[in-house]
Amino acid sequence: MKQLFLLDENLSPLLAEKMGKLGYNAKAVRNAILKGAEDTEIVKWAIKNKAVIITADLDFGELWYWNYYGEVGVVVLRVKAYNLESQYKVIKFLHDNDVLKKDIRNSLIVSTSNRYRIRQ
């Protein structure tokens, strides 16, 4: 079974489609009956469904560190512009470096389009 990625509302829902073309199982929050949900609700859904959260919201990194360390995976995309192209550029960088293919269910990853850090 492929790793499920849950894309936060601050990312384009079209990013899920582009990730699908790369071979990933990705779902947008707004398509997972979580539209408008609090961050903690999204984290709890991700834990229950063994999903890795992808977001541009640094608050998820803090939630992971202080409350959910080792329970959920979070990928924070550091983008200069909140458009689909910028978001996809970071995802493609992580894909090309095989980061998203690893077991990152309990990790925090912060990435730009040319560099990433992993905390496990």
PDB file of N, CA and C in Angstrom:
ATOM      1  N   MET A   1       0.831  -1.183   0.000  1.00  0.00           N
ATOM      2  CA  MET A   1       0.000   0.000   0.000  1.00  0.00           C
ATOM      3  C   MET A   1       0.878   1.252   0.000  1.00  0.00           C
ATOM      4  N   LYS A   2       0.552   2.193  -0.882  1.00  0.00           N
ATOM      5  CA  LYS A   2       1.333   3.417  -0.993  1.00  0.00           C
ATOM      6  C   LYS A   2       1.053   4.354   0.174  1.00  0.00           C
ATOM      7  N   GLN A   3       2.084   5.084   0.551  1.00  0.00           N
ATOM      8  CA  GLN A   3       1.958   6.100   1.591  1.00  0.00           C
ATOM      9  C   GLN A   3       0.905   7.125   1.180  1.00  0.00           C
ATOM     10  N   LEU A   4       0.014   7.482   2.107  1.00  0.00           N
ATOM     11  CA  LEU A   4      -0.992   8.511   1.866  1.00  0.00           C
ATOM     12  C   LEU A   4      -0.435   9.859   2.296  1.00  0.00           C
ATOM     13  N   PHE A   5      -0.547  10.852   1.431  1.00  0.00           N
ATOM     14  CA  PHE A   5      -0.147  12.215   1.742  1.00  0.00           C
ATOM     15  C   PHE A   5      -1.401  13.075   1.803  1.00  0.00           C
ATOM     16  N   LEU A   6      -1.526  13.855   2.870  1.00  0.00           N
ATOM     17  CA  LEU A   6      -2.667  14.743   3.062  1.00  0.00           C
ATOM     18  C   LEU A   6      -2.200  16.178   2.889  1.00  0.00           C
ATOM     19  N   LEU A   7      -2.717  16.861   1.868  1.00  0.00           N
ATOM     20  CA  LEU A   7      -2.303  18.226   1.565  1.00  0.00           C
ATOM     21  C   LEU A   7      -3.186  19.225   2.293  1.00  0.00           C
ATOM     22  N   ASP A   8      -2.557  20.084   3.066  1.00  0.00           N
ATOM     23  CA  ASP A   8      -3.251  21.097   3.850  1.00  0.00           C
ATOM     24  C   ASP A   8      -3.974  22.088   2.935  1.00  0.00           C
ATOM     25  N   GLU A   9      -4.924  22.819   3.520  1.00  0.00           N
ATOM     26  CA  GLU A   9      -5.723  23.774   2.753  1.00  0.00           C
ATOM     27  C   GLU A   9      -4.913  24.921   2.165  1.00  0.00           C
ATOM     28  N   ASN A  10      -3.738  25.203   2.720  1.00  0.00           N
ATOM     29  CA  ASN A  10      -2.949  26.312   2.185  1.00  0.00           C
ATOM     30  C   ASN A  10      -2.184  25.927   0.917  1.00  0.00           C
ATOM     31  N   LEU A  11      -2.352  24.697   0.471  1.00  0.00           N
ATOM     32  CA  LEU A  11      -1.743  24.234  -0.778  1.00  0.00           C
ATOM     33  C   LEU A  11      -2.832  24.018  -1.824  1.00  0.00           C
ATOM     34  N   SER A  12      -2.449  24.148  -3.072  1.00  0.00           N
ATOM     35  CA  SER A  12      -3.407  23.950  -4.158  1.00  0.00           C
ATOM     36  C   SER A  12      -3.895  22.500  -4.173  1.00  0.00           C
ATOM     37  N   PRO A  13      -5.209  22.284  -4.288  1.00  0.00           N
ATOM     38  CA  PRO A  13      -5.703  20.908  -4.394  1.00  0.00           C
ATOM     39  C   PRO A  13      -5.206  20.227  -5.674  1.00  0.00           C
ATOM     40  N   LEU A  14      -4.804  21.019  -6.664  1.00  0.00           N
ATOM     41  CA  LEU A  14      -4.256  20.452  -7.898  1.00  0.00           C
ATOM     42  C   LEU A  14      -2.897  19.801  -7.668  1.00  0.00           C
ATOM     43  N   LEU A  15      -2.242  20.156  -6.552  1.00  0.00           N
ATOM     44  CA  LEU A  15      -0.965  19.534  -6.217  1.00  0.00           C
ATOM     45  C   LEU A  15      -1.150  18.035  -5.983  1.00  0.00           C
ATOM     46  N   ALA A  16      -2.298  17.647  -5.436  1.00  0.00           N
ATOM     47  CA  ALA A  16      -2.586  16.220  -5.217  1.00  0.00           C
ATOM     48  C   ALA A  16      -2.599  15.478  -6.555  1.00  0.00           C
ATOM     49  N   GLU A  17      -3.185  16.100  -7.579  1.00  0.00           N
ATOM     50  CA  GLU A  17      -3.213  15.479  -8.907  1.00  0.00           C
ATOM     51  C   GLU A  17      -1.804  15.348  -9.477  1.00  0.00           C
ATOM     52  N   LYS A  18      -1.009  16.405  -9.330  1.00  0.00           N
ATOM     53  CA  LYS A  18       0.365  16.372  -9.850  1.00  0.00           C
ATOM     54  C   LYS A  18       1.193  15.317  -9.116  1.00  0.00           C
ATOM     55  N   MET A  19       0.967  15.169  -7.808  1.00  0.00           N
ATOM     56  CA  MET A  19       1.668  14.128  -7.051  1.00  0.00           C
ATOM     57  C   MET A  19       1.228  12.746  -7.521  1.00  0.00           C
ATOM     58  N   GLY A  20      -0.058  12.611  -7.840  1.00  0.00           N
ATOM     59  CA  GLY A  20      -0.571  11.346  -8.362  1.00  0.00           C
ATOM     60  C   GLY A  20       0.142  10.933  -9.640  1.00  0.00           C
ATOM     61  N   LYS A  21       0.458  11.911 -10.489  1.00  0.00           N
ATOM     62  CA  LYS A  21       1.174  11.622 -11.732  1.00  0.00           C
ATOM     63  C   LYS A  21       2.606  11.177 -11.470  1.00  0.00           C
ATOM     64  N   LEU A  22       3.139  11.528 -10.293  1.00  0.00           N
ATOM     65  CA  LEU A  22       4.478  11.065  -9.904  1.00  0.00           C
ATOM     66  C   LEU A  22       4.413   9.695  -9.223  1.00  0.00           C
ATOM     67  N   GLY A  23       3.188   9.184  -9.014  1.00  0.00           N
ATOM     68  CA  GLY A  23       3.022   7.866  -8.414  1.00  0.00           C
ATOM     69  C   GLY A  23       2.653   7.870  -6.946  1.00  0.00           C
ATOM     70  N   TYR A  24       2.301   9.039  -6.402  1.00  0.00           N
ATOM     71  CA  TYR A  24       1.961   9.132  -4.980  1.00  0.00           C
ATOM     72  C   TYR A  24       0.453   9.100  -4.773  1.00  0.00           C
ATOM     73  N   ASN A  25       0.048   8.642  -3.601  1.00  0.00           N
ATOM     74  CA  ASN A  25      -1.343   8.663  -3.180  1.00  0.00           C
ATOM     75  C   ASN A  25      -1.527   9.937  -2.355  1.00  0.00           C
ATOM     76  N   ALA A  26      -2.065  10.979  -2.969  1.00  0.00           N
ATOM     77  CA  ALA A  26      -2.203  12.271  -2.296  1.00  0.00           C
ATOM     78  C   ALA A  26      -3.656  12.721  -2.314  1.00  0.00           C
ATOM     79  N   LYS A  27      -4.067  13.314  -1.194  1.00  0.00           N
ATOM     80  CA  LYS A  27      -5.444  13.770  -1.046  1.00  0.00           C
ATOM     81  C   LYS A  27      -5.414  15.166  -0.437  1.00  0.00           C
ATOM     82  N   ALA A  28      -6.215  16.074  -0.981  1.00  0.00           N
ATOM     83  CA  ALA A  28      -6.317  17.424  -0.428  1.00  0.00           C
ATOM     84  C   ALA A  28      -7.249  17.411   0.777  1.00  0.00           C
ATOM     85  N   VAL A  29      -6.916  18.201   1.798  1.00  0.00           N
ATOM     86  CA  VAL A  29      -7.741  18.298   3.006  1.00  0.00           C
ATOM     87  C   VAL A  29      -9.190  18.593   2.642  1.00  0.00           C
ATOM     88  N   ARG A  30      -9.392  19.501   1.705  1.00  0.00           N
ATOM     89  CA  ARG A  30     -10.766  19.879   1.349  1.00  0.00           C
ATOM     90  C   ARG A  30     -11.533  18.726   0.708  1.00  0.00           C
ATOM     91  N   ASN A  31     -10.826  17.696   0.243  1.00  0.00           N
ATOM     92  CA  ASN A  31     -11.487  16.521  -0.323  1.00  0.00           C
ATOM     93  C   ASN A  31     -11.538  15.361   0.670  1.00  0.00           C
ATOM     94  N   ALA A  32     -11.077  15.582   1.879  1.00  0.00           N
ATOM     95  CA  ALA A  32     -11.056  14.523   2.897  1.00  0.00           C
ATOM     96  C   ALA A  32     -12.010  14.857   4.041  1.00  0.00           C
ATOM     97  N   ILE A  33     -13.044  15.615   3.740  1.00  0.00           N
ATOM     98  CA  ILE A  33     -14.052  16.020   4.723  1.00  0.00           C
ATOM     99  C   ILE A  33     -13.415  16.766   5.898  1.00  0.00           C
ATOM    100  N   LEU A  34     -12.345  17.496   5.631  1.00  0.00           N
ATOM    101  CA  LEU A  34     -11.650  18.241   6.682  1.00  0.00           C
ATOM    102  C   LEU A  34     -11.572  19.730   6.365  1.00  0.00           C
ATOM    103  N   LYS A  35     -12.316  20.187   5.379  1.00  0.00           N
ATOM    104  CA  LYS A  35     -12.261  21.600   4.998  1.00  0.00           C
ATOM    105  C   LYS A  35     -12.618  22.468   6.200  1.00  0.00           C
ATOM    106  N   GLY A  36     -11.750  23.419   6.508  1.00  0.00           N
ATOM    107  CA  GLY A  36     -11.981  24.327   7.625  1.00  0.00           C
ATOM    108  C   GLY A  36     -11.632  23.744   8.988  1.00  0.00           C
ATOM    109  N   ALA A  37     -11.090  22.533   9.020  1.00  0.00           N
ATOM    110  CA  ALA A  37     -10.767  21.872  10.294  1.00  0.00           C
ATOM    111  C   ALA A  37      -9.571  22.541  10.971  1.00  0.00           C
ATOM    112  N   GLU A  38      -9.548  22.470  12.277  1.00  0.00           N
ATOM    113  CA  GLU A  38      -8.409  22.959  13.057  1.00  0.00           C
ATOM    114  C   GLU A  38      -7.200  22.067  12.762  1.00  0.00           C
ATOM    115  N   ASP A  39      -6.014  22.634  12.965  1.00  0.00           N
ATOM    116  CA  ASP A  39      -4.779  21.875  12.718  1.00  0.00           C
ATOM    117  C   ASP A  39      -4.742  20.574  13.517  1.00  0.00           C
ATOM    118  N   THR A  40      -5.181  20.623  14.775  1.00  0.00           N
ATOM    119  CA  THR A  40      -5.144  19.408  15.606  1.00  0.00           C
ATOM    120  C   THR A  40      -6.087  18.330  15.065  1.00  0.00           C
ATOM    121  N   GLU A  41      -7.216  18.737  14.493  1.00  0.00           N
ATOM    122  CA  GLU A  41      -8.130  17.761  13.887  1.00  0.00           C
ATOM    123  C   GLU A  41      -7.475  17.094  12.682  1.00  0.00           C
ATOM    124  N   ILE A  42      -6.750  17.893  11.904  1.00  0.00           N
ATOM    125  CA  ILE A  42      -6.057  17.364  10.729  1.00  0.00           C
ATOM    126  C   ILE A  42      -4.978  16.377  11.162  1.00  0.00           C
ATOM    127  N   VAL A  43      -4.243  16.723  12.213  1.00  0.00           N
ATOM    128  CA  VAL A  43      -3.198  15.829  12.722  1.00  0.00           C
ATOM    129  C   VAL A  43      -3.817  14.517  13.203  1.00  0.00           C
ATOM    130  N   LYS A  44      -4.903  14.595  13.940  1.00  0.00           N
ATOM    131  CA  LYS A  44      -5.551  13.379  14.450  1.00  0.00           C
ATOM    132  C   LYS A  44      -6.054  12.501  13.302  1.00  0.00           C
ATOM    133  N   TRP A  45      -6.609  13.130  12.250  1.00  0.00           N
ATOM    134  CA  TRP A  45      -7.053  12.372  11.079  1.00  0.00           C
ATOM    135  C   TRP A  45      -5.858  11.690  10.421  1.00  0.00           C
ATOM    136  N   ALA A  46      -4.758  12.423  10.296  1.00  0.00           N
ATOM    137  CA  ALA A  46      -3.550  11.869   9.666  1.00  0.00           C
ATOM    138  C   ALA A  46      -3.013  10.679  10.466  1.00  0.00           C
ATOM    139  N   ILE A  47      -3.004  10.794  11.779  1.00  0.00           N
ATOM    140  CA  ILE A  47      -2.535   9.686  12.621  1.00  0.00           C
ATOM    141  C   ILE A  47      -3.435   8.467  12.425  1.00  0.00           C
ATOM    142  N   LYS A  48      -4.738   8.686  12.490  1.00  0.00           N
ATOM    143  CA  LYS A  48      -5.698   7.590  12.349  1.00  0.00           C
ATOM    144  C   LYS A  48      -5.572   6.896  10.992  1.00  0.00           C
ATOM    145  N   ASN A  49      -5.304   7.677   9.948  1.00  0.00           N
ATOM    146  CA  ASN A  49      -5.242   7.142   8.588  1.00  0.00           C
ATOM    147  C   ASN A  49      -3.819   6.905   8.089  1.00  0.00           C
ATOM    148  N   LYS A  50      -2.855   7.030   9.008  1.00  0.00           N
ATOM    149  CA  LYS A  50      -1.434   6.809   8.694  1.00  0.00           C
ATOM    150  C   LYS A  50      -0.981   7.656   7.503  1.00  0.00           C
ATOM    151  N   ALA A  51      -1.410   8.917   7.503  1.00  0.00           N
ATOM    152  CA  ALA A  51      -1.070   9.844   6.420  1.00  0.00           C
ATOM    153  C   ALA A  51       0.044  10.789   6.855  1.00  0.00           C
ATOM    154  N   VAL A  52       0.809  11.258   5.894  1.00  0.00           N
ATOM    155  CA  VAL A  52       1.821  12.285   6.112  1.00  0.00           C
ATOM    156  C   VAL A  52       1.213  13.607   5.648  1.00  0.00           C
ATOM    157  N   ILE A  53       1.274  14.615   6.499  1.00  0.00           N
ATOM    158  CA  ILE A  53       0.717  15.929   6.178  1.00  0.00           C
ATOM    159  C   ILE A  53       1.735  16.732   5.376  1.00  0.00           C
ATOM    160  N   ILE A  54       1.285  17.336   4.290  1.00  0.00           N
ATOM    161  CA  ILE A  54       2.117  18.267   3.527  1.00  0.00           C
ATOM    162  C   ILE A  54       1.460  19.633   3.640  1.00  0.00           C
ATOM    163  N   THR A  55       2.239  20.631   4.032  1.00  0.00           N
ATOM    164  CA  THR A  55       1.700  21.956   4.320  1.00  0.00           C
ATOM    165  C   THR A  55       2.732  23.037   4.049  1.00  0.00           C
ATOM    166  N   ALA A  56       2.276  24.275   4.022  1.00  0.00           N
ATOM    167  CA  ALA A  56       3.189  25.421   3.975  1.00  0.00           C
ATOM    168  C   ALA A  56       3.104  26.177   5.299  1.00  0.00           C
ATOM    169  N   ASP A  57       2.380  25.613   6.250  1.00  0.00           N
ATOM    170  CA  ASP A  57       2.120  26.231   7.554  1.00  0.00           C
ATOM    171  C   ASP A  57       3.130  25.726   8.587  1.00  0.00           C
ATOM    172  N   LEU A  58       3.984  26.622   9.052  1.00  0.00           N
ATOM    173  CA  LEU A  58       5.004  26.237  10.038  1.00  0.00           C
ATOM    174  C   LEU A  58       4.406  25.787  11.369  1.00  0.00           C
ATOM    175  N   ASP A  59       3.157  26.148  11.631  1.00  0.00           N
ATOM    176  CA  ASP A  59       2.509  25.715  12.876  1.00  0.00           C
ATOM    177  C   ASP A  59       2.466  24.193  12.991  1.00  0.00           C
ATOM    178  N   PHE A  60       2.361  23.504  11.866  1.00  0.00           N
ATOM    179  CA  PHE A  60       2.352  22.039  11.910  1.00  0.00           C
ATOM    180  C   PHE A  60       3.692  21.500  12.392  1.00  0.00           C
ATOM    181  N   GLY A  61       4.768  22.184  12.049  1.00  0.00           N
ATOM    182  CA  GLY A  61       6.086  21.789  12.547  1.00  0.00           C
ATOM    183  C   GLY A  61       6.158  21.917  14.056  1.00  0.00           C
ATOM    184  N   GLU A  62       5.602  23.007  14.579  1.00  0.00           N
ATOM    185  CA  GLU A  62       5.577  23.195  16.031  1.00  0.00           C
ATOM    186  C   GLU A  62       4.680  22.168  16.699  1.00  0.00           C
ATOM    187  N   LEU A  63       3.519  21.899  16.116  1.00  0.00           N
ATOM    188  CA  LEU A  63       2.627  20.868  16.666  1.00  0.00           C
ATOM    189  C   LEU A  63       3.338  19.523  16.715  1.00  0.00           C
ATOM    190  N   TRP A  64       4.040  19.182  15.639  1.00  0.00           N
ATOM    191  CA  TRP A  64       4.772  17.919  15.583  1.00  0.00           C
ATOM    192  C   TRP A  64       5.800  17.868  16.706  1.00  0.00           C
ATOM    193  N   TYR A  65       6.578  18.939  16.829  1.00  0.00           N
ATOM    194  CA  TYR A  65       7.674  18.960  17.796  1.00  0.00           C
ATOM    195  C   TYR A  65       7.165  18.905  19.238  1.00  0.00           C
ATOM    196  N   TRP A  66       6.167  19.682  19.567  1.00  0.00           N
ATOM    197  CA  TRP A  66       5.719  19.800  20.959  1.00  0.00           C
ATOM    198  C   TRP A  66       4.651  18.798  21.369  1.00  0.00           C
ATOM    199  N   ASN A  67       3.830  18.334  20.421  1.00  0.00           N
ATOM    200  CA  ASN A  67       2.698  17.492  20.811  1.00  0.00           C
ATOM    201  C   ASN A  67       2.632  16.118  20.145  1.00  0.00           C
ATOM    202  N   TYR A  68       3.171  16.002  18.935  1.00  0.00           N
ATOM    203  CA  TYR A  68       2.972  14.760  18.183  1.00  0.00           C
ATOM    204  C   TYR A  68       4.278  14.165  17.667  1.00  0.00           C
ATOM    205  N   TYR A  69       5.369  14.438  18.355  1.00  0.00           N
ATOM    206  CA  TYR A  69       6.687  13.933  17.965  1.00  0.00           C
ATOM    207  C   TYR A  69       6.631  12.411  17.849  1.00  0.00           C
ATOM    208  N   GLY A  70       6.989  11.898  16.682  1.00  0.00           N
ATOM    209  CA  GLY A  70       7.017  10.452  16.482  1.00  0.00           C
ATOM    210  C   GLY A  70       5.678   9.808  16.203  1.00  0.00           C
ATOM    211  N   GLU A  71       4.601  10.611  16.149  1.00  0.00           N
ATOM    212  CA  GLU A  71       3.271  10.045  15.914  1.00  0.00           C
ATOM    213  C   GLU A  71       2.744  10.288  14.508  1.00  0.00           C
ATOM    214  N   VAL A  72       3.263  11.319  13.840  1.00  0.00           N
ATOM    215  CA  VAL A  72       2.761  11.701  12.519  1.00  0.00           C
ATOM    216  C   VAL A  72       3.906  12.294  11.710  1.00  0.00           C
ATOM    217  N   GLY A  73       3.821  12.156  10.406  1.00  0.00           N
ATOM    218  CA  GLY A  73       4.812  12.776   9.532  1.00  0.00           C
ATOM    219  C   GLY A  73       4.297  14.109   9.016  1.00  0.00           C
ATOM    220  N   VAL A  74       5.184  15.095   8.964  1.00  0.00           N
ATOM    221  CA  VAL A  74       4.827  16.422   8.461  1.00  0.00           C
ATOM    222  C   VAL A  74       5.912  16.881   7.493  1.00  0.00           C
ATOM    223  N   VAL A  75       5.493  17.341   6.323  1.00  0.00           N
ATOM    224  CA  VAL A  75       6.401  17.934   5.347  1.00  0.00           C
ATOM    225  C   VAL A  75       5.989  19.393   5.198  1.00  0.00           C
ATOM    226  N   VAL A  76       6.893  20.301   5.560  1.00  0.00           N
ATOM    227  CA  VAL A  76       6.620  21.737   5.442  1.00  0.00           C
ATOM    228  C   VAL A  76       7.322  22.251   4.192  1.00  0.00           C
ATOM    229  N   LEU A  77       6.533  22.787   3.273  1.00  0.00           N
ATOM    230  CA  LEU A  77       7.082  23.354   2.046  1.00  0.00           C
ATOM    231  C   LEU A  77       7.363  24.834   2.272  1.00  0.00           C
ATOM    232  N   ARG A  78       8.602  25.234   2.104  1.00  0.00           N
ATOM    233  CA  ARG A  78       8.971  26.648   2.207  1.00  0.00           C
ATOM    234  C   ARG A  78       8.980  27.210   0.796  1.00  0.00           C
ATOM    235  N   VAL A  79       7.943  27.943   0.457  1.00  0.00           N
ATOM    236  CA  VAL A  79       7.812  28.502  -0.886  1.00  0.00           C
ATOM    237  C   VAL A  79       7.750  30.015  -0.813  1.00  0.00           C
ATOM    238  N   LYS A  80       8.284  30.675  -1.844  1.00  0.00           N
ATOM    239  CA  LYS A  80       8.260  32.136  -1.891  1.00  0.00           C
ATOM    240  C   LYS A  80       6.904  32.644  -2.343  1.00  0.00           C
ATOM    241  N   ALA A  81       6.241  31.888  -3.191  1.00  0.00           N
ATOM    242  CA  ALA A  81       4.914  32.252  -3.686  1.00  0.00           C
ATOM    243  C   ALA A  81       3.988  31.056  -3.459  1.00  0.00           C
ATOM    244  N   TYR A  82       2.739  31.341  -3.128  1.00  0.00           N
ATOM    245  CA  TYR A  82       1.793  30.260  -2.847  1.00  0.00           C
ATOM    246  C   TYR A  82       1.042  29.837  -4.101  1.00  0.00           C
ATOM    247  N   ASN A  83       1.774  29.585  -5.174  1.00  0.00           N
ATOM    248  CA  ASN A  83       1.114  29.113  -6.385  1.00  0.00           C
ATOM    249  C   ASN A  83       1.500  27.660  -6.631  1.00  0.00           C
ATOM    250  N   LEU A  84       0.746  27.026  -7.494  1.00  0.00           N
ATOM    251  CA  LEU A  84       0.938  25.603  -7.770  1.00  0.00           C
ATOM    252  C   LEU A  84       2.349  25.301  -8.260  1.00  0.00           C
ATOM    253  N   GLU A  85       2.886  26.145  -9.115  1.00  0.00           N
ATOM    254  CA  GLU A  85       4.216  25.895  -9.676  1.00  0.00           C
ATOM    255  C   GLU A  85       5.285  25.870  -8.584  1.00  0.00           C
ATOM    256  N   SER A  86       5.224  26.832  -7.661  1.00  0.00           N
ATOM    257  CA  SER A  86       6.203  26.885  -6.564  1.00  0.00           C
ATOM    258  C   SER A  86       6.084  25.662  -5.661  1.00  0.00           C
ATOM    259  N   GLN A  87       4.857  25.280  -5.358  1.00  0.00           N
ATOM    260  CA  GLN A  87       4.622  24.125  -4.502  1.00  0.00           C
ATOM    261  C   GLN A  87       5.123  22.848  -5.178  1.00  0.00           C
ATOM    262  N   TYR A  88       4.811  22.708  -6.450  1.00  0.00           N
ATOM    263  CA  TYR A  88       5.221  21.509  -7.179  1.00  0.00           C
ATOM    264  C   TYR A  88       6.739  21.432  -7.304  1.00  0.00           C
ATOM    265  N   LYS A  89       7.389  22.569  -7.436  1.00  0.00           N
ATOM    266  CA  LYS A  89       8.850  22.587  -7.556  1.00  0.00           C
ATOM    267  C   LYS A  89       9.497  21.954  -6.318  1.00  0.00           C
ATOM    268  N   VAL A  90       8.953  22.234  -5.137  1.00  0.00           N
ATOM    269  CA  VAL A  90       9.489  21.645  -3.901  1.00  0.00           C
ATOM    270  C   VAL A  90       9.181  20.148  -3.858  1.00  0.00           C
ATOM    271  N   ILE A  91       7.957  19.775  -4.198  1.00  0.00           N
ATOM    272  CA  ILE A  91       7.586  18.352  -4.224  1.00  0.00           C
ATOM    273  C   ILE A  91       8.476  17.591  -5.206  1.00  0.00           C
ATOM    274  N   LYS A  92       8.692  18.153  -6.375  1.00  0.00           N
ATOM    275  CA  LYS A  92       9.532  17.503  -7.397  1.00  0.00           C
ATOM    276  C   LYS A  92      10.963  17.347  -6.893  1.00  0.00           C
ATOM    277  N   PHE A  93      11.472  18.354  -6.186  1.00  0.00           N
ATOM    278  CA  PHE A  93      12.813  18.268  -5.603  1.00  0.00           C
ATOM    279  C   PHE A  93      12.877  17.111  -4.602  1.00  0.00           C
ATOM    280  N   LEU A  94      11.882  17.005  -3.729  1.00  0.00           N
ATOM    281  CA  LEU A  94      11.849  15.909  -2.752  1.00  0.00           C
ATOM    282  C   LEU A  94      11.711  14.561  -3.464  1.00  0.00           C
ATOM    283  N   HIS A  95      10.897  14.518  -4.500  1.00  0.00           N
ATOM    284  CA  HIS A  95      10.721  13.293  -5.292  1.00  0.00           C
ATOM    285  C   HIS A  95      12.044  12.878  -5.945  1.00  0.00           C
ATOM    286  N   ASP A  96      12.705  13.832  -6.578  1.00  0.00           N
ATOM    287  CA  ASP A  96      13.961  13.536  -7.275  1.00  0.00           C
ATOM    288  C   ASP A  96      15.058  13.062  -6.326  1.00  0.00           C
ATOM    289  N   ASN A  97      14.964  13.454  -5.059  1.00  0.00           N
ATOM    290  CA  ASN A  97      15.942  13.034  -4.055  1.00  0.00           C
ATOM    291  C   ASN A  97      15.452  11.846  -3.225  1.00  0.00           C
ATOM    292  N   ASP A  98      14.369  11.198  -3.682  1.00  0.00           N
ATOM    293  CA  ASP A  98      13.799   9.996  -3.048  1.00  0.00           C
ATOM    294  C   ASP A  98      13.350  10.201  -1.604  1.00  0.00           C
ATOM    295  N   VAL A  99      13.118  11.427  -1.194  1.00  0.00           N
ATOM    296  CA  VAL A  99      12.710  11.699   0.190  1.00  0.00           C
ATOM    297  C   VAL A  99      11.300  11.182   0.449  1.00  0.00           C
ATOM    298  N   LEU A 100      10.379  11.407  -0.470  1.00  0.00           N
ATOM    299  CA  LEU A 100       8.985  11.024  -0.263  1.00  0.00           C
ATOM    300  C   LEU A 100       8.758   9.526  -0.404  1.00  0.00           C
ATOM    301  N   LYS A 101       9.746   8.813  -0.900  1.00  0.00           N
ATOM    302  CA  LYS A 101       9.628   7.363  -1.069  1.00  0.00           C
ATOM    303  C   LYS A 101      10.053   6.606   0.188  1.00  0.00           C
ATOM    304  N   LYS A 102      10.691   7.327   1.116  1.00  0.00           N
ATOM    305  CA  LYS A 102      11.141   6.703   2.368  1.00  0.00           C
ATOM    306  C   LYS A 102       9.983   6.641   3.357  1.00  0.00           C
ATOM    307  N   ASP A 103      10.172   5.891   4.421  1.00  0.00           N
ATOM    308  CA  ASP A 103       9.173   5.859   5.488  1.00  0.00           C
ATOM    309  C   ASP A 103       9.354   7.114   6.335  1.00  0.00           C
ATOM    310  N   ILE A 104       8.530   8.111   6.076  1.00  0.00           N
ATOM    311  CA  ILE A 104       8.636   9.393   6.785  1.00  0.00           C
ATOM    312  C   ILE A 104       7.405   9.643   7.653  1.00  0.00           C
ATOM    313  N   ARG A 105       6.675   8.575   7.981  1.00  0.00           N
ATOM    314  CA  ARG A 105       5.431   8.729   8.744  1.00  0.00           C
ATOM    315  C   ARG A 105       5.604   9.382  10.103  1.00  0.00           C
ATOM    316  N   ASN A 106       6.791   9.347  10.665  1.00  0.00           N
ATOM    317  CA  ASN A 106       7.002   9.943  11.988  1.00  0.00           C
ATOM    318  C   ASN A 106       8.017  11.073  11.957  1.00  0.00           C
ATOM    319  N   SER A 107       8.325  11.579  10.776  1.00  0.00           N
ATOM    320  CA  SER A 107       9.384  12.575  10.615  1.00  0.00           C
ATOM    321  C   SER A 107       8.823  13.967  10.345  1.00  0.00           C
ATOM    322  N   LEU A 108       9.656  14.962  10.612  1.00  0.00           N
ATOM    323  CA  LEU A 108       9.374  16.342  10.223  1.00  0.00           C
ATOM    324  C   LEU A 108      10.385  16.705   9.148  1.00  0.00           C
ATOM    325  N   ILE A 109       9.892  17.125   8.008  1.00  0.00           N
ATOM    326  CA  ILE A 109      10.757  17.538   6.899  1.00  0.00           C
ATOM    327  C   ILE A 109      10.411  18.977   6.549  1.00  0.00           C
ATOM    328  N   VAL A 110      11.421  19.812   6.474  1.00  0.00           N
ATOM    329  CA  VAL A 110      11.249  21.195   6.027  1.00  0.00           C
ATOM    330  C   VAL A 110      12.075  21.330   4.760  1.00  0.00           C
ATOM    331  N   SER A 111      11.430  21.798   3.685  1.00  0.00           N
ATOM    332  CA  SER A 111      12.121  21.809   2.396  1.00  0.00           C
ATOM    333  C   SER A 111      11.833  23.059   1.577  1.00  0.00           C
ATOM    334  N   THR A 112      12.868  23.511   0.886  1.00  0.00           N
ATOM    335  CA  THR A 112      12.729  24.503  -0.177  1.00  0.00           C
ATOM    336  C   THR A 112      12.867  23.729  -1.480  1.00  0.00           C
ATOM    337  N   SER A 113      13.004  24.430  -2.573  1.00  0.00           N
ATOM    338  CA  SER A 113      13.134  23.740  -3.856  1.00  0.00           C
ATOM    339  C   SER A 113      14.561  23.276  -4.137  1.00  0.00           C
ATOM    340  N   ASN A 114      15.483  23.539  -3.195  1.00  0.00           N
ATOM    341  CA  ASN A 114      16.858  23.072  -3.439  1.00  0.00           C
ATOM    342  C   ASN A 114      17.561  22.529  -2.196  1.00  0.00           C
ATOM    343  N   ARG A 115      16.818  22.418  -1.091  1.00  0.00           N
ATOM    344  CA  ARG A 115      17.445  21.877   0.116  1.00  0.00           C
ATOM    345  C   ARG A 115      16.361  21.422   1.098  1.00  0.00           C
ATOM    346  N   TYR A 116      16.683  20.388   1.886  1.00  0.00           N
ATOM    347  CA  TYR A 116      15.717  19.901   2.873  1.00  0.00           C
ATOM    348  C   TYR A 116      16.432  19.457   4.147  1.00  0.00           C
ATOM    349  N   ARG A 117      15.661  19.446   5.233  1.00  0.00           N
ATOM    350  CA  ARG A 117      16.135  18.929   6.520  1.00  0.00           C
ATOM    351  C   ARG A 117      15.106  17.921   7.018  1.00  0.00           C
ATOM    352  N   ILE A 118      15.601  16.831   7.599  1.00  0.00           N
ATOM    353  CA  ILE A 118      14.716  15.810   8.171  1.00  0.00           C
ATOM    354  C   ILE A 118      15.014  15.676   9.651  1.00  0.00           C
ATOM    355  N   ARG A 119      13.959  15.688  10.440  1.00  0.00           N
ATOM    356  CA  ARG A 119      14.087  15.425  11.873  1.00  0.00           C
ATOM    357  C   ARG A 119      13.230  14.202  12.162  1.00  0.00           C
ATOM    358  N   GLN A 120      13.844  13.201  12.802  1.00  0.00           N
ATOM    359  CA  GLN A 120      13.102  11.963  13.093  1.00  0.00           C
ATOM    360  C   GLN A 120      12.961  11.741  14.570  1.00  0.00           C
TER     361      GLN A 120
END
